[in-house]
Amino acid sequence: MPQLSLSTNVPVDAVVAADILRDCSRALARIIGKPESYVTVSIDGSVPTSFAGSEEPAAYGEIMSIGGLGSGVNGKLSAALADILEAKLSVSASRFYVKFDDVQQGYNVGFNGTTF
């Protein structure tokens, strides 16, 4: 059940958003090794953001997953997401942070009226 939340100061229209959602969902499923049917991705564009004192294109992301994250996987995810954001929104990889949260206990995540 990987979940990715992205925010960026770049305006994101519906067509670009759909491409980013699709590409990020596929990347998360492939790299983490979980079924894409469990992946959730959201993107919020036009968020006022300063990065290194500049309002040039930038982005921030958070990934949460019950297992599947770690030193080898996180680097691959960071690279894949940075590539997507650079291609779709012209956000340089050097202006993108991503935070990883590997939830160790499934009972800390709710789904379908219960927890994992």
N, C-alpha and C. Protein backbone atom coordinates (compact mmCIF):
# COMPACT_ATOMS: atom_id res chain seq x y z
N MET A 1 0.81 -1.18 0.00
CA MET A 1 0.00 0.00 0.00
C MET A 1 0.86 1.25 0.00
N PRO A 2 1.84 1.31 -0.87
CA PRO A 2 2.64 2.53 -0.95
C PRO A 2 1.76 3.74 -1.28
N GLN A 3 2.08 4.85 -0.65
CA GLN A 3 1.36 6.10 -0.90
C GLN A 3 2.38 7.20 -1.13
N LEU A 4 2.21 7.94 -2.22
CA LEU A 4 3.09 9.06 -2.56
C LEU A 4 2.26 10.32 -2.64
N SER A 5 2.69 11.33 -1.89
CA SER A 5 2.08 12.67 -1.98
C SER A 5 3.15 13.61 -2.52
N LEU A 6 2.81 14.33 -3.57
CA LEU A 6 3.72 15.30 -4.17
C LEU A 6 3.11 16.69 -4.10
N SER A 7 3.95 17.68 -3.86
CA SER A 7 3.52 19.07 -4.01
C SER A 7 4.60 19.80 -4.77
N THR A 8 4.18 20.78 -5.56
CA THR A 8 5.11 21.54 -6.38
C THR A 8 4.58 22.96 -6.57
N ASN A 9 5.48 23.87 -6.80
CA ASN A 9 5.07 25.24 -7.08
C ASN A 9 4.75 25.45 -8.56
N VAL A 10 4.89 24.42 -9.36
CA VAL A 10 4.60 24.48 -10.79
C VAL A 10 3.10 24.21 -10.99
N PRO A 11 2.43 25.02 -11.83
CA PRO A 11 1.03 24.71 -12.15
C PRO A 11 0.94 23.36 -12.85
N VAL A 12 -0.05 22.56 -12.48
CA VAL A 12 -0.20 21.22 -13.04
C VAL A 12 -1.60 21.11 -13.64
N ASP A 13 -1.67 21.02 -14.97
CA ASP A 13 -2.98 20.86 -15.59
C ASP A 13 -3.40 19.39 -15.55
N ALA A 14 -4.63 19.11 -15.92
CA ALA A 14 -5.20 17.77 -15.79
C ALA A 14 -4.44 16.73 -16.61
N VAL A 15 -3.99 17.10 -17.81
CA VAL A 15 -3.30 16.15 -18.68
C VAL A 15 -1.94 15.79 -18.08
N VAL A 16 -1.20 16.81 -17.64
CA VAL A 16 0.12 16.56 -17.03
C VAL A 16 -0.05 15.78 -15.73
N ALA A 17 -1.05 16.13 -14.94
CA ALA A 17 -1.30 15.43 -13.68
C ALA A 17 -1.56 13.95 -13.94
N ALA A 18 -2.36 13.64 -14.94
CA ALA A 18 -2.67 12.24 -15.26
C ALA A 18 -1.40 11.48 -15.63
N ASP A 19 -0.52 12.11 -16.42
CA ASP A 19 0.74 11.47 -16.80
C ASP A 19 1.62 11.22 -15.58
N ILE A 20 1.72 12.22 -14.70
CA ILE A 20 2.56 12.08 -13.50
C ILE A 20 2.00 11.00 -12.59
N LEU A 21 0.69 11.00 -12.37
CA LEU A 21 0.08 9.99 -11.51
C LEU A 21 0.34 8.59 -12.05
N ARG A 22 0.15 8.40 -13.34
CA ARG A 22 0.36 7.10 -13.97
C ARG A 22 1.83 6.66 -13.86
N ASP A 23 2.74 7.56 -14.23
CA ASP A 23 4.16 7.21 -14.22
C ASP A 23 4.67 6.93 -12.81
N CYS A 24 4.25 7.74 -11.84
CA CYS A 24 4.69 7.54 -10.46
C CYS A 24 4.11 6.26 -9.88
N SER A 25 2.85 5.97 -10.17
CA SER A 25 2.22 4.75 -9.68
C SER A 25 2.96 3.52 -10.19
N ARG A 26 3.26 3.51 -11.46
CA ARG A 26 3.98 2.38 -12.04
C ARG A 26 5.37 2.24 -11.44
N ALA A 27 6.06 3.37 -11.27
CA ALA A 27 7.42 3.34 -10.71
C ALA A 27 7.41 2.81 -9.28
N LEU A 28 6.48 3.28 -8.46
CA LEU A 28 6.41 2.80 -7.08
C LEU A 28 6.17 1.30 -7.04
N ALA A 29 5.20 0.83 -7.78
CA ALA A 29 4.88 -0.60 -7.77
C ALA A 29 6.08 -1.43 -8.22
N ARG A 30 6.71 -1.00 -9.30
CA ARG A 30 7.84 -1.76 -9.86
C ARG A 30 9.02 -1.77 -8.90
N ILE A 31 9.40 -0.62 -8.38
CA ILE A 31 10.61 -0.52 -7.56
C ILE A 31 10.41 -1.11 -6.16
N ILE A 32 9.26 -0.87 -5.55
CA ILE A 32 9.01 -1.40 -4.21
C ILE A 32 8.64 -2.88 -4.28
N GLY A 33 8.07 -3.30 -5.40
CA GLY A 33 7.71 -4.70 -5.55
C GLY A 33 6.35 -5.04 -4.97
N LYS A 34 5.44 -4.07 -5.01
CA LYS A 34 4.07 -4.31 -4.52
C LYS A 34 3.11 -4.14 -5.70
N PRO A 35 1.94 -4.77 -5.63
CA PRO A 35 0.99 -4.64 -6.73
C PRO A 35 0.55 -3.18 -6.91
N GLU A 36 0.45 -2.75 -8.16
CA GLU A 36 0.01 -1.38 -8.43
C GLU A 36 -1.40 -1.14 -7.91
N SER A 37 -2.18 -2.19 -7.76
CA SER A 37 -3.54 -2.03 -7.24
C SER A 37 -3.56 -1.51 -5.80
N TYR A 38 -2.42 -1.54 -5.11
CA TYR A 38 -2.32 -1.02 -3.74
C TYR A 38 -1.73 0.40 -3.69
N VAL A 39 -1.25 0.91 -4.80
CA VAL A 39 -0.52 2.19 -4.82
C VAL A 39 -1.48 3.37 -4.91
N THR A 40 -1.21 4.41 -4.12
CA THR A 40 -1.95 5.67 -4.18
C THR A 40 -0.96 6.79 -4.44
N VAL A 41 -1.28 7.67 -5.38
CA VAL A 41 -0.43 8.83 -5.70
C VAL A 41 -1.31 10.07 -5.77
N SER A 42 -0.85 11.15 -5.19
CA SER A 42 -1.55 12.43 -5.33
C SER A 42 -0.54 13.52 -5.67
N ILE A 43 -1.00 14.54 -6.37
CA ILE A 43 -0.14 15.67 -6.70
C ILE A 43 -0.92 16.95 -6.50
N ASP A 44 -0.26 17.91 -5.91
CA ASP A 44 -0.84 19.22 -5.63
C ASP A 44 0.06 20.26 -6.29
N GLY A 45 -0.45 20.93 -7.32
CA GLY A 45 0.33 21.92 -8.03
C GLY A 45 0.03 23.34 -7.58
N SER A 46 0.86 24.27 -8.01
CA SER A 46 0.73 25.70 -7.70
C SER A 46 0.79 25.98 -6.20
N VAL A 47 1.57 25.19 -5.47
CA VAL A 47 1.74 25.39 -4.03
C VAL A 47 2.90 26.38 -3.84
N PRO A 48 2.65 27.53 -3.22
CA PRO A 48 3.75 28.47 -3.01
C PRO A 48 4.90 27.77 -2.27
N THR A 49 6.07 27.75 -2.91
CA THR A 49 7.21 27.02 -2.37
C THR A 49 8.50 27.80 -2.63
N SER A 50 9.31 27.89 -1.61
CA SER A 50 10.66 28.43 -1.74
C SER A 50 11.64 27.29 -1.47
N PHE A 51 12.61 27.14 -2.33
CA PHE A 51 13.64 26.12 -2.17
C PHE A 51 14.97 26.82 -2.35
N ALA A 52 15.82 26.78 -1.35
CA ALA A 52 17.13 27.45 -1.37
C ALA A 52 16.96 28.95 -1.63
N GLY A 53 15.90 29.52 -1.08
CA GLY A 53 15.67 30.96 -1.20
C GLY A 53 15.14 31.40 -2.55
N SER A 54 14.75 30.45 -3.38
CA SER A 54 14.28 30.76 -4.73
C SER A 54 12.90 30.14 -4.96
N GLU A 55 12.10 30.81 -5.77
CA GLU A 55 10.79 30.27 -6.14
C GLU A 55 10.80 29.64 -7.52
N GLU A 56 11.98 29.30 -8.01
CA GLU A 56 12.09 28.54 -9.27
C GLU A 56 11.40 27.19 -9.07
N PRO A 57 11.07 26.47 -10.16
CA PRO A 57 10.38 25.19 -10.02
C PRO A 57 11.06 24.27 -9.00
N ALA A 58 10.22 23.75 -8.09
CA ALA A 58 10.69 22.87 -7.02
C ALA A 58 9.56 21.91 -6.65
N ALA A 59 9.90 20.86 -5.93
CA ALA A 59 8.89 19.89 -5.51
C ALA A 59 9.33 19.21 -4.22
N TYR A 60 8.33 18.67 -3.53
CA TYR A 60 8.55 17.91 -2.30
C TYR A 60 7.62 16.71 -2.34
N GLY A 61 8.12 15.58 -1.89
CA GLY A 61 7.30 14.38 -1.86
C GLY A 61 7.48 13.60 -0.58
N GLU A 62 6.46 12.82 -0.24
CA GLU A 62 6.53 11.90 0.88
C GLU A 62 5.99 10.55 0.43
N ILE A 63 6.75 9.51 0.72
CA ILE A 63 6.34 8.15 0.40
C ILE A 63 6.19 7.39 1.71
N MET A 64 5.05 6.73 1.87
CA MET A 64 4.79 5.89 3.03
C MET A 64 4.44 4.50 2.52
N SER A 65 5.01 3.49 3.17
CA SER A 65 4.72 2.12 2.77
C SER A 65 4.88 1.20 3.97
N ILE A 66 4.06 0.18 4.03
CA ILE A 66 4.25 -0.86 5.03
C ILE A 66 5.29 -1.82 4.47
N GLY A 67 6.52 -1.62 4.86
CA GLY A 67 7.61 -2.43 4.33
C GLY A 67 7.95 -2.03 2.90
N GLY A 68 9.00 -2.60 2.38
CA GLY A 68 9.40 -2.38 1.00
C GLY A 68 10.37 -1.24 0.79
N LEU A 69 10.53 -0.36 1.80
CA LEU A 69 11.46 0.75 1.67
C LEU A 69 12.78 0.39 2.36
N GLY A 70 13.84 1.03 1.97
CA GLY A 70 15.16 0.79 2.55
C GLY A 70 16.21 1.47 1.73
N SER A 71 17.45 1.35 2.15
CA SER A 71 18.53 2.12 1.52
C SER A 71 18.65 1.87 0.01
N GLY A 72 18.57 0.66 -0.44
CA GLY A 72 18.68 0.39 -1.88
C GLY A 72 17.48 0.84 -2.66
N VAL A 73 16.30 0.61 -2.14
CA VAL A 73 15.05 0.96 -2.81
C VAL A 73 14.86 2.48 -2.84
N ASN A 74 15.13 3.14 -1.73
CA ASN A 74 14.88 4.59 -1.63
C ASN A 74 15.67 5.38 -2.67
N GLY A 75 16.89 5.01 -2.91
CA GLY A 75 17.68 5.70 -3.92
C GLY A 75 17.10 5.53 -5.31
N LYS A 76 16.63 4.33 -5.62
CA LYS A 76 16.01 4.08 -6.92
C LYS A 76 14.71 4.86 -7.07
N LEU A 77 13.92 4.91 -5.98
CA LEU A 77 12.67 5.69 -6.02
C LEU A 77 12.96 7.17 -6.21
N SER A 78 13.93 7.69 -5.48
CA SER A 78 14.28 9.11 -5.58
C SER A 78 14.69 9.45 -7.02
N ALA A 79 15.50 8.61 -7.62
CA ALA A 79 15.94 8.84 -9.00
C ALA A 79 14.78 8.78 -9.98
N ALA A 80 13.92 7.76 -9.84
CA ALA A 80 12.80 7.61 -10.76
C ALA A 80 11.83 8.78 -10.66
N LEU A 81 11.51 9.20 -9.44
CA LEU A 81 10.59 10.32 -9.26
C LEU A 81 11.19 11.62 -9.76
N ALA A 82 12.47 11.82 -9.50
CA ALA A 82 13.14 13.03 -9.98
C ALA A 82 13.11 13.08 -11.51
N ASP A 83 13.32 11.94 -12.15
CA ASP A 83 13.27 11.89 -13.62
C ASP A 83 11.88 12.26 -14.14
N ILE A 84 10.84 11.75 -13.49
CA ILE A 84 9.47 12.05 -13.90
C ILE A 84 9.17 13.54 -13.74
N LEU A 85 9.53 14.10 -12.60
CA LEU A 85 9.26 15.52 -12.36
C LEU A 85 10.06 16.43 -13.28
N GLU A 86 11.27 16.01 -13.60
CA GLU A 86 12.07 16.82 -14.54
C GLU A 86 11.46 16.77 -15.94
N ALA A 87 11.05 15.59 -16.38
CA ALA A 87 10.47 15.44 -17.72
C ALA A 87 9.11 16.12 -17.85
N LYS A 88 8.27 16.00 -16.83
CA LYS A 88 6.89 16.49 -16.93
C LYS A 88 6.71 17.93 -16.47
N LEU A 89 7.55 18.39 -15.50
CA LEU A 89 7.35 19.72 -14.92
C LEU A 89 8.58 20.61 -14.96
N SER A 90 9.68 20.13 -15.52
CA SER A 90 10.94 20.88 -15.56
C SER A 90 11.45 21.24 -14.17
N VAL A 91 11.20 20.34 -13.19
CA VAL A 91 11.75 20.50 -11.85
C VAL A 91 13.08 19.76 -11.83
N SER A 92 14.15 20.50 -11.60
CA SER A 92 15.48 19.89 -11.55
C SER A 92 15.57 18.92 -10.38
N ALA A 93 16.30 17.84 -10.56
CA ALA A 93 16.49 16.87 -9.48
C ALA A 93 17.12 17.52 -8.26
N SER A 94 17.87 18.59 -8.46
CA SER A 94 18.51 19.28 -7.35
C SER A 94 17.54 20.21 -6.60
N ARG A 95 16.28 20.24 -7.04
CA ARG A 95 15.26 21.06 -6.38
C ARG A 95 14.06 20.21 -5.97
N PHE A 96 14.35 18.96 -5.60
CA PHE A 96 13.32 18.01 -5.21
C PHE A 96 13.79 17.20 -4.01
N TYR A 97 13.04 17.30 -2.93
CA TYR A 97 13.26 16.45 -1.76
C TYR A 97 12.16 15.41 -1.69
N VAL A 98 12.49 14.24 -1.19
CA VAL A 98 11.48 13.21 -0.95
C VAL A 98 11.78 12.56 0.40
N LYS A 99 10.75 12.42 1.21
CA LYS A 99 10.86 11.82 2.54
C LYS A 99 10.27 10.42 2.47
N PHE A 100 10.96 9.45 3.07
CA PHE A 100 10.52 8.06 3.08
C PHE A 100 10.07 7.67 4.48
N ASP A 101 8.95 6.98 4.57
CA ASP A 101 8.41 6.52 5.84
C ASP A 101 8.03 5.06 5.71
N ASP A 102 8.87 4.18 6.26
CA ASP A 102 8.62 2.75 6.22
C ASP A 102 7.86 2.38 7.50
N VAL A 103 6.56 2.19 7.38
CA VAL A 103 5.72 1.85 8.53
C VAL A 103 5.94 0.37 8.84
N GLN A 104 6.41 0.09 10.03
CA GLN A 104 6.74 -1.28 10.41
C GLN A 104 5.55 -2.10 10.89
N GLN A 105 4.53 -1.43 11.37
CA GLN A 105 3.38 -2.14 11.92
C GLN A 105 2.14 -1.83 11.09
N GLY A 106 1.56 -2.82 10.47
CA GLY A 106 0.39 -2.63 9.64
C GLY A 106 -0.80 -2.03 10.37
N TYR A 107 -0.87 -2.22 11.68
CA TYR A 107 -2.00 -1.65 12.42
C TYR A 107 -1.95 -0.14 12.50
N ASN A 108 -0.86 0.46 12.03
CA ASN A 108 -0.76 1.93 11.98
C ASN A 108 -1.31 2.52 10.69
N VAL A 109 -1.87 1.68 9.83
CA VAL A 109 -2.45 2.15 8.58
C VAL A 109 -3.85 1.56 8.42
N GLY A 110 -4.83 2.43 8.21
CA GLY A 110 -6.20 1.98 8.04
C GLY A 110 -6.56 1.80 6.57
N PHE A 111 -7.45 0.86 6.32
CA PHE A 111 -7.94 0.60 4.96
C PHE A 111 -9.23 -0.20 5.06
N ASN A 112 -10.21 0.16 4.27
CA ASN A 112 -11.44 -0.62 4.14
C ASN A 112 -12.13 -0.83 5.50
N GLY A 113 -12.09 0.19 6.34
CA GLY A 113 -12.77 0.14 7.61
C GLY A 113 -12.05 -0.64 8.70
N THR A 114 -10.78 -1.02 8.43
CA THR A 114 -9.99 -1.76 9.41
C THR A 114 -8.53 -1.32 9.27
N THR A 115 -7.62 -2.10 9.74
CA THR A 115 -6.19 -1.81 9.57
C THR A 115 -5.50 -3.01 8.95
N PHE A 116 -4.30 -2.81 8.49
CA PHE A 116 -3.52 -3.91 7.95
C PHE A 116 -2.94 -4.72 9.10
